[in-house]
Amino acid sequence: IRFIDWKMVAKMGHPYIKVFEEERNVEIVVIIDAGPTMFSGYNQVSKLQASIEICCLLYLLSKQTNDQVHAVVVADEIINLPKKTGEAGIVNLIAVLENKEILTKSGKVNLTYAHDKKFTKEQKTKEIFKHLHKKRELVLLSDFSNFLDQTSFERIAYSRKTHCFRVV
């Protein structure tokens, strides 16, 4: 009853019901932890490889829903990828990770990647907080082993637009 447009009923003589569509064009920010512990895994699949595959799936799904995916890889530095959808986003993600030598030229995770310890937890937290906005969904893919401290993680996870997934 609340969706009936009573003015239209009076004009046309038959009921007119308003139909609402969900607001889309949401930016999805995927933060991938590429720390040293993410290079280990099970059954020849590393946690980092699983995280990259999840990000690629989000790229493909975003094309169907007209959303944009902004990938951020947290390794020895912050790697910000531009907003893209579909196959273009996947190609861009793979190309950038190959240039940074996180992936080999064959597309596999580089298990001999040399990690620098210059990037602190405070810098990671500050970078993640940059992406917490009203119209953004934040997807955090990590094993949370030495990624953030407890208080920072609680502050990030407090937002209802933040979705944290532990990759094991």
Protein backbone atom coordinates (compact mmCIF):
# COMPACT_ATOMS: atom_id res chain seq x y z
CA ILE A 1 0.00 0.00 0.00
CA ARG A 2 2.81 2.43 0.72
CA PHE A 3 4.19 2.08 -2.81
CA ILE A 4 0.92 3.09 -4.49
CA ASP A 5 1.12 6.49 -6.15
CA TRP A 6 -2.27 7.93 -5.21
CA LYS A 7 -1.96 10.96 -7.51
CA MET A 8 -1.45 8.68 -10.52
CA VAL A 9 -4.46 6.58 -9.44
CA ALA A 10 -6.61 9.73 -9.39
CA LYS A 11 -5.41 10.77 -12.87
CA MET A 12 -5.49 7.41 -14.64
CA GLY A 13 -8.25 5.58 -12.84
CA HIS A 14 -6.22 2.42 -12.15
CA PRO A 15 -3.60 1.67 -9.48
CA TYR A 16 -0.02 2.68 -10.20
CA ILE A 17 2.64 1.06 -8.00
CA LYS A 18 6.12 2.58 -7.72
CA VAL A 19 9.00 0.19 -8.40
CA PHE A 20 12.37 0.90 -6.83
CA GLU A 21 15.74 -0.33 -8.05
CA GLU A 22 18.75 -0.84 -5.87
CA GLU A 23 21.32 1.92 -6.21
CA ARG A 24 24.38 0.62 -8.01
CA ASN A 25 27.58 2.12 -9.34
CA VAL A 26 29.27 1.30 -6.07
CA GLU A 27 33.03 1.30 -5.91
CA ILE A 28 34.43 -1.96 -4.51
CA VAL A 29 37.89 -1.60 -3.01
CA VAL A 30 39.70 -4.94 -2.76
CA ILE A 31 42.74 -4.86 -0.49
CA ILE A 32 45.04 -7.84 -0.99
CA ASP A 33 47.68 -8.58 1.60
CA ALA A 34 50.89 -9.65 -0.16
CA GLY A 35 52.97 -10.13 2.98
CA PRO A 36 55.45 -12.97 3.44
CA THR A 37 52.90 -15.31 5.06
CA MET A 38 50.56 -15.02 2.05
CA PHE A 39 53.08 -16.83 -0.16
CA SER A 40 52.55 -20.10 1.69
CA GLY A 41 49.57 -22.32 1.05
CA TYR A 42 48.18 -25.79 0.68
CA ASN A 43 48.19 -28.28 -2.19
CA GLN A 44 50.40 -26.03 -4.37
CA VAL A 45 47.98 -23.08 -4.12
CA SER A 46 49.27 -20.13 -2.13
CA LYS A 47 47.04 -17.82 -0.11
CA LEU A 48 48.09 -14.95 -2.37
CA GLN A 49 47.04 -16.88 -5.48
CA ALA A 50 43.63 -17.58 -3.93
CA SER A 51 43.25 -13.89 -3.06
CA ILE A 52 44.13 -12.83 -6.60
CA GLU A 53 41.58 -15.29 -8.00
CA ILE A 54 38.89 -13.88 -5.68
CA CYS A 55 39.76 -10.38 -6.86
CA CYS A 56 39.48 -11.53 -10.48
CA LEU A 57 36.04 -12.97 -9.74
CA LEU A 58 35.00 -9.62 -8.29
CA TYR A 59 36.19 -7.92 -11.49
CA LEU A 60 33.98 -10.25 -13.53
CA LEU A 61 30.97 -9.79 -11.22
CA SER A 62 31.38 -6.02 -11.26
CA LYS A 63 30.85 -5.97 -15.01
CA GLN A 64 27.45 -7.63 -14.52
CA THR A 65 26.38 -5.16 -11.81
CA ASN A 66 27.90 -2.00 -13.37
CA ASP A 67 30.19 -1.48 -10.38
CA GLN A 68 33.85 -0.47 -10.37
CA VAL A 69 36.63 -2.45 -8.66
CA HIS A 70 39.66 -0.67 -7.28
CA ALA A 71 42.36 -3.16 -6.28
CA VAL A 72 45.03 -2.28 -3.73
CA VAL A 73 47.91 -4.70 -3.16
CA VAL A 74 49.80 -4.24 0.11
CA ALA A 75 53.29 -5.66 -0.33
CA ASP A 76 56.57 -3.82 0.37
CA GLU A 77 54.75 -0.81 -1.02
CA ILE A 78 51.17 0.12 -1.77
CA ILE A 79 50.19 -0.81 -5.31
CA ASN A 80 47.06 1.11 -6.31
CA LEU A 81 45.36 -0.09 -9.45
CA PRO A 82 42.86 2.15 -11.24
CA LYS A 83 39.13 1.42 -11.12
CA LYS A 84 38.14 -1.07 -13.80
CA THR A 85 35.62 -3.81 -14.50
CA GLY A 86 35.62 -7.15 -16.28
CA GLU A 87 38.49 -8.55 -18.27
CA ALA A 88 40.25 -5.17 -18.50
CA GLY A 89 40.63 -5.14 -14.71
CA ILE A 90 41.98 -8.68 -14.65
CA VAL A 91 44.54 -7.95 -17.36
CA ASN A 92 45.63 -4.78 -15.55
CA LEU A 93 45.97 -6.59 -12.20
CA ILE A 94 48.06 -9.41 -13.67
CA ALA A 95 50.27 -7.01 -15.65
CA VAL A 96 51.02 -4.82 -12.64
CA LEU A 97 51.78 -7.82 -10.41
CA GLU A 98 54.12 -9.20 -13.08
CA ASN A 99 55.90 -5.82 -13.32
CA LYS A 100 56.37 -5.76 -9.53
CA GLU A 101 57.67 -9.37 -9.76
CA ILE A 102 55.00 -10.69 -7.38
CA LEU A 103 53.86 -12.92 -10.25
CA THR A 104 56.16 -14.61 -12.74
CA LYS A 105 55.79 -14.07 -16.47
CA SER A 106 53.82 -17.32 -16.65
CA GLY A 107 51.24 -15.90 -14.19
CA LYS A 108 52.25 -17.98 -11.16
CA VAL A 109 53.04 -16.54 -7.74
CA ASN A 110 56.77 -15.81 -7.43
CA LEU A 111 57.68 -17.81 -4.32
CA THR A 112 61.19 -16.32 -4.33
CA TYR A 113 59.89 -12.74 -4.00
CA ALA A 114 62.22 -10.74 -1.75
CA HIS A 115 60.31 -8.85 0.96
CA ASP A 116 61.58 -5.60 2.47
CA LYS A 117 60.53 -4.86 6.03
CA LYS A 118 60.33 -1.08 5.42
CA PHE A 119 56.54 -0.89 5.35
CA THR A 120 55.09 -0.57 8.87
CA LYS A 121 51.69 -1.55 10.24
CA GLU A 122 50.86 2.11 10.82
CA GLN A 123 51.45 2.90 7.14
CA LYS A 124 49.23 -0.04 6.15
CA THR A 125 46.50 1.15 8.50
CA LYS A 126 46.69 4.71 7.18
CA GLU A 127 46.39 3.47 3.59
CA ILE A 128 43.38 1.29 4.38
CA PHE A 129 41.62 4.16 6.16
CA LYS A 130 41.95 6.25 2.99
CA HIS A 131 39.54 3.86 1.28
CA LEU A 132 36.77 3.90 3.90
CA HIS A 133 34.12 6.13 2.33
CA LYS A 134 30.36 6.25 2.22
CA LYS A 135 29.83 4.82 -1.28
CA ARG A 136 32.62 2.25 -1.15
CA GLU A 137 32.55 -1.38 -0.15
CA LEU A 138 35.86 -2.52 1.28
CA VAL A 139 36.89 -6.16 0.81
CA LEU A 140 39.97 -7.15 2.79
CA LEU A 141 41.70 -10.42 1.77
CA SER A 142 44.44 -11.50 4.17
CA ASP A 143 45.52 -14.24 6.54
CA PHE A 144 45.80 -11.48 9.21
CA SER A 145 49.12 -12.88 10.35
CA ASN A 146 51.23 -9.83 11.17
CA PHE A 147 49.13 -7.60 8.88
CA LEU A 148 47.53 -5.08 11.27
CA ASP A 149 47.52 -4.56 15.00
CA GLN A 150 44.41 -5.44 16.98
CA THR A 151 43.09 -1.91 17.58
CA SER A 152 43.52 -0.86 13.95
CA PHE A 153 41.79 -3.99 12.74
CA GLU A 154 38.87 -3.40 15.11
CA ARG A 155 38.50 0.19 13.86
CA ILE A 156 38.51 -0.95 10.23
CA ALA A 157 36.16 -3.89 10.81
CA TYR A 158 33.72 -1.66 12.74
CA SER A 159 32.45 -0.14 9.50
CA ARG A 160 29.44 -1.97 8.08
CA LYS A 161 30.84 -1.47 4.58
CA THR A 162 33.97 -3.48 5.40
CA HIS A 163 34.08 -7.19 4.58
CA CYS A 164 37.10 -9.07 5.96
CA PHE A 165 38.00 -12.52 4.67
CA ARG A 166 40.70 -14.62 6.24
CA VAL A 167 42.52 -16.71 3.65
CA VAL A 168 43.88 -19.92 5.15
